Amino acid sequence: MQQSNTIIRLHQAIQKTGLSRSSIYALISAGKFPKQIKLSARSMGFLESEVDAWIDARIAASRKEA
């Protein structure tokens, strides 16, 4: 499977994960969420494939606990 280099913005990451903006930033600061990619002086995004991998890891972790 080829890894996607699609960049998504914060609002898309919020929609994908169901997390709030502040929760995402807290997880980034703790090293528990993919880091942003600087797109310009005032904009950032996330690699969609990294966000998807993060979601998959959360699903896998929740299934192990059950």
N, C-alpha and C. Protein backbone atom coordinates (compact mmCIF):
# COMPACT_ATOMS: atom_id res chain seq x y z
N MET A 1 0.84 -1.18 0.00
CA MET A 1 0.00 0.00 0.00
C MET A 1 0.88 1.24 0.00
N GLN A 2 0.60 2.17 -0.90
CA GLN A 2 1.39 3.39 -1.02
C GLN A 2 0.94 4.41 0.01
N GLN A 3 1.92 5.04 0.65
CA GLN A 3 1.62 6.04 1.66
C GLN A 3 1.24 7.35 0.99
N SER A 4 0.16 7.97 1.47
CA SER A 4 -0.32 9.23 0.90
C SER A 4 0.45 10.40 1.48
N ASN A 5 0.79 11.34 0.61
CA ASN A 5 1.45 12.57 1.06
C ASN A 5 0.46 13.72 1.12
N THR A 6 -0.82 13.41 1.22
CA THR A 6 -1.84 14.44 1.30
C THR A 6 -1.72 15.17 2.62
N ILE A 7 -1.75 16.50 2.55
CA ILE A 7 -1.69 17.33 3.75
C ILE A 7 -3.10 17.80 4.07
N ILE A 8 -3.49 17.61 5.32
CA ILE A 8 -4.80 18.08 5.77
C ILE A 8 -4.59 19.20 6.78
N ARG A 9 -5.56 20.07 6.87
CA ARG A 9 -5.49 21.18 7.81
C ARG A 9 -6.08 20.78 9.15
N LEU A 10 -5.93 21.62 10.13
CA LEU A 10 -6.36 21.32 11.50
C LEU A 10 -7.83 20.94 11.57
N HIS A 11 -8.70 21.68 10.88
CA HIS A 11 -10.13 21.36 10.97
C HIS A 11 -10.43 19.97 10.44
N GLN A 12 -9.67 19.51 9.45
CA GLN A 12 -9.87 18.15 8.94
C GLN A 12 -9.37 17.12 9.95
N ALA A 13 -8.27 17.41 10.62
CA ALA A 13 -7.75 16.51 11.66
C ALA A 13 -8.75 16.41 12.82
N ILE A 14 -9.38 17.53 13.14
CA ILE A 14 -10.40 17.54 14.19
C ILE A 14 -11.57 16.66 13.78
N GLN A 15 -12.01 16.78 12.53
CA GLN A 15 -13.13 15.96 12.04
C GLN A 15 -12.77 14.47 12.03
N LYS A 16 -11.55 14.14 11.60
CA LYS A 16 -11.13 12.74 11.52
C LYS A 16 -11.04 12.09 12.89
N THR A 17 -10.50 12.83 13.87
CA THR A 17 -10.23 12.24 15.18
C THR A 17 -11.36 12.42 16.19
N GLY A 18 -12.17 13.45 16.01
CA GLY A 18 -13.20 13.76 16.99
C GLY A 18 -12.65 14.50 18.20
N LEU A 19 -11.39 14.88 18.15
CA LEU A 19 -10.76 15.62 19.24
C LEU A 19 -10.95 17.12 19.05
N SER A 20 -10.83 17.86 20.13
CA SER A 20 -10.88 19.32 20.03
C SER A 20 -9.51 19.85 19.63
N ARG A 21 -9.49 21.10 19.22
CA ARG A 21 -8.24 21.77 18.85
C ARG A 21 -7.25 21.73 20.02
N SER A 22 -7.72 22.07 21.21
CA SER A 22 -6.82 22.10 22.36
C SER A 22 -6.31 20.70 22.71
N SER A 23 -7.13 19.69 22.53
CA SER A 23 -6.69 18.31 22.80
C SER A 23 -5.60 17.89 21.83
N ILE A 24 -5.77 18.25 20.56
CA ILE A 24 -4.75 17.92 19.56
C ILE A 24 -3.44 18.60 19.90
N TYR A 25 -3.49 19.89 20.23
CA TYR A 25 -2.26 20.60 20.57
C TYR A 25 -1.60 20.05 21.84
N ALA A 26 -2.41 19.63 22.81
CA ALA A 26 -1.86 19.03 24.03
C ALA A 26 -1.17 17.72 23.70
N LEU A 27 -1.77 16.90 22.84
CA LEU A 27 -1.16 15.63 22.45
C LEU A 27 0.12 15.86 21.65
N ILE A 28 0.14 16.87 20.80
CA ILE A 28 1.36 17.20 20.04
C ILE A 28 2.47 17.58 21.01
N SER A 29 2.14 18.42 21.99
CA SER A 29 3.14 18.85 22.99
C SER A 29 3.68 17.67 23.79
N ALA A 30 2.83 16.68 24.02
CA ALA A 30 3.24 15.49 24.79
C ALA A 30 3.93 14.45 23.90
N GLY A 31 4.02 14.73 22.60
CA GLY A 31 4.64 13.78 21.68
C GLY A 31 3.77 12.59 21.36
N LYS A 32 2.44 12.75 21.51
CA LYS A 32 1.51 11.63 21.32
C LYS A 32 0.59 11.80 20.12
N PHE A 33 0.88 12.77 19.27
CA PHE A 33 0.11 13.01 18.05
C PHE A 33 1.08 13.49 16.99
N PRO A 34 0.83 13.17 15.72
CA PRO A 34 1.76 13.59 14.67
C PRO A 34 2.00 15.11 14.67
N LYS A 35 3.26 15.48 14.46
CA LYS A 35 3.60 16.91 14.43
C LYS A 35 3.11 17.56 13.15
N GLN A 36 2.89 18.87 13.25
CA GLN A 36 2.44 19.63 12.10
C GLN A 36 3.56 19.82 11.09
N ILE A 37 3.16 20.12 9.86
CA ILE A 37 4.08 20.48 8.79
C ILE A 37 3.84 21.94 8.49
N LYS A 38 4.90 22.74 8.54
CA LYS A 38 4.77 24.16 8.26
C LYS A 38 4.60 24.35 6.76
N LEU A 39 3.50 24.97 6.35
CA LEU A 39 3.21 25.17 4.94
C LEU A 39 3.62 26.57 4.48
N SER A 40 3.45 27.53 5.35
CA SER A 40 3.88 28.91 5.07
C SER A 40 4.09 29.59 6.41
N ALA A 41 4.33 30.88 6.38
CA ALA A 41 4.60 31.61 7.62
C ALA A 41 3.43 31.52 8.60
N ARG A 42 2.20 31.39 8.08
CA ARG A 42 1.04 31.42 8.96
C ARG A 42 0.14 30.20 8.85
N SER A 43 0.58 29.16 8.17
CA SER A 43 -0.30 27.99 8.06
C SER A 43 0.48 26.69 8.25
N MET A 44 -0.22 25.72 8.82
CA MET A 44 0.36 24.41 9.06
C MET A 44 -0.67 23.35 8.71
N GLY A 45 -0.20 22.14 8.53
CA GLY A 45 -1.08 21.02 8.25
C GLY A 45 -0.48 19.75 8.81
N PHE A 46 -1.15 18.65 8.56
CA PHE A 46 -0.71 17.34 9.02
C PHE A 46 -0.70 16.39 7.84
N LEU A 47 0.22 15.43 7.86
CA LEU A 47 0.17 14.39 6.84
C LEU A 47 -1.01 13.49 7.16
N GLU A 48 -1.90 13.34 6.21
CA GLU A 48 -3.10 12.54 6.43
C GLU A 48 -2.74 11.10 6.80
N SER A 49 -1.72 10.55 6.18
CA SER A 49 -1.32 9.17 6.46
C SER A 49 -0.86 9.01 7.92
N GLU A 50 -0.20 10.03 8.48
CA GLU A 50 0.23 9.96 9.88
C GLU A 50 -0.96 10.05 10.82
N VAL A 51 -1.93 10.89 10.49
CA VAL A 51 -3.14 10.99 11.31
C VAL A 51 -3.92 9.68 11.25
N ASP A 52 -4.03 9.12 10.05
CA ASP A 52 -4.73 7.83 9.90
C ASP A 52 -4.03 6.73 10.69
N ALA A 53 -2.69 6.72 10.66
CA ALA A 53 -1.93 5.73 11.42
C ALA A 53 -2.15 5.91 12.93
N TRP A 54 -2.24 7.16 13.37
CA TRP A 54 -2.50 7.45 14.78
C TRP A 54 -3.87 6.91 15.17
N ILE A 55 -4.88 7.13 14.32
CA ILE A 55 -6.22 6.62 14.57
C ILE A 55 -6.21 5.09 14.64
N ASP A 56 -5.53 4.46 13.68
CA ASP A 56 -5.43 2.99 13.66
C ASP A 56 -4.79 2.46 14.95
N ALA A 57 -3.76 3.17 15.43
CA ALA A 57 -3.08 2.75 16.67
C ALA A 57 -4.01 2.87 17.86
N ARG A 58 -4.85 3.92 17.90
CA ARG A 58 -5.82 4.07 18.99
C ARG A 58 -6.84 2.94 18.96
N ILE A 59 -7.29 2.58 17.76
CA ILE A 59 -8.24 1.48 17.63
C ILE A 59 -7.61 0.18 18.11
N ALA A 60 -6.39 -0.09 17.66
CA ALA A 60 -5.70 -1.32 18.07
C ALA A 60 -5.50 -1.36 19.58
N ALA A 61 -5.12 -0.25 20.18
CA ALA A 61 -4.90 -0.21 21.62
C ALA A 61 -6.21 -0.45 22.38
N SER A 62 -7.31 0.07 21.87
CA SER A 62 -8.58 -0.12 22.56
C SER A 62 -9.07 -1.56 22.45
N ARG A 63 -8.71 -2.23 21.38
CA ARG A 63 -9.13 -3.61 21.19
C ARG A 63 -8.32 -4.56 22.09
N LYS A 64 -7.08 -4.22 22.37
CA LYS A 64 -6.24 -5.05 23.24
C LYS A 64 -6.72 -4.99 24.69
N GLU A 65 -7.26 -3.84 25.08
CA GLU A 65 -7.70 -3.65 26.46
C GLU A 65 -8.98 -4.43 26.75
N ALA A 66 -9.75 -4.70 25.73
CA ALA A 66 -11.05 -5.35 25.94
C ALA A 66 -10.92 -6.81 26.29
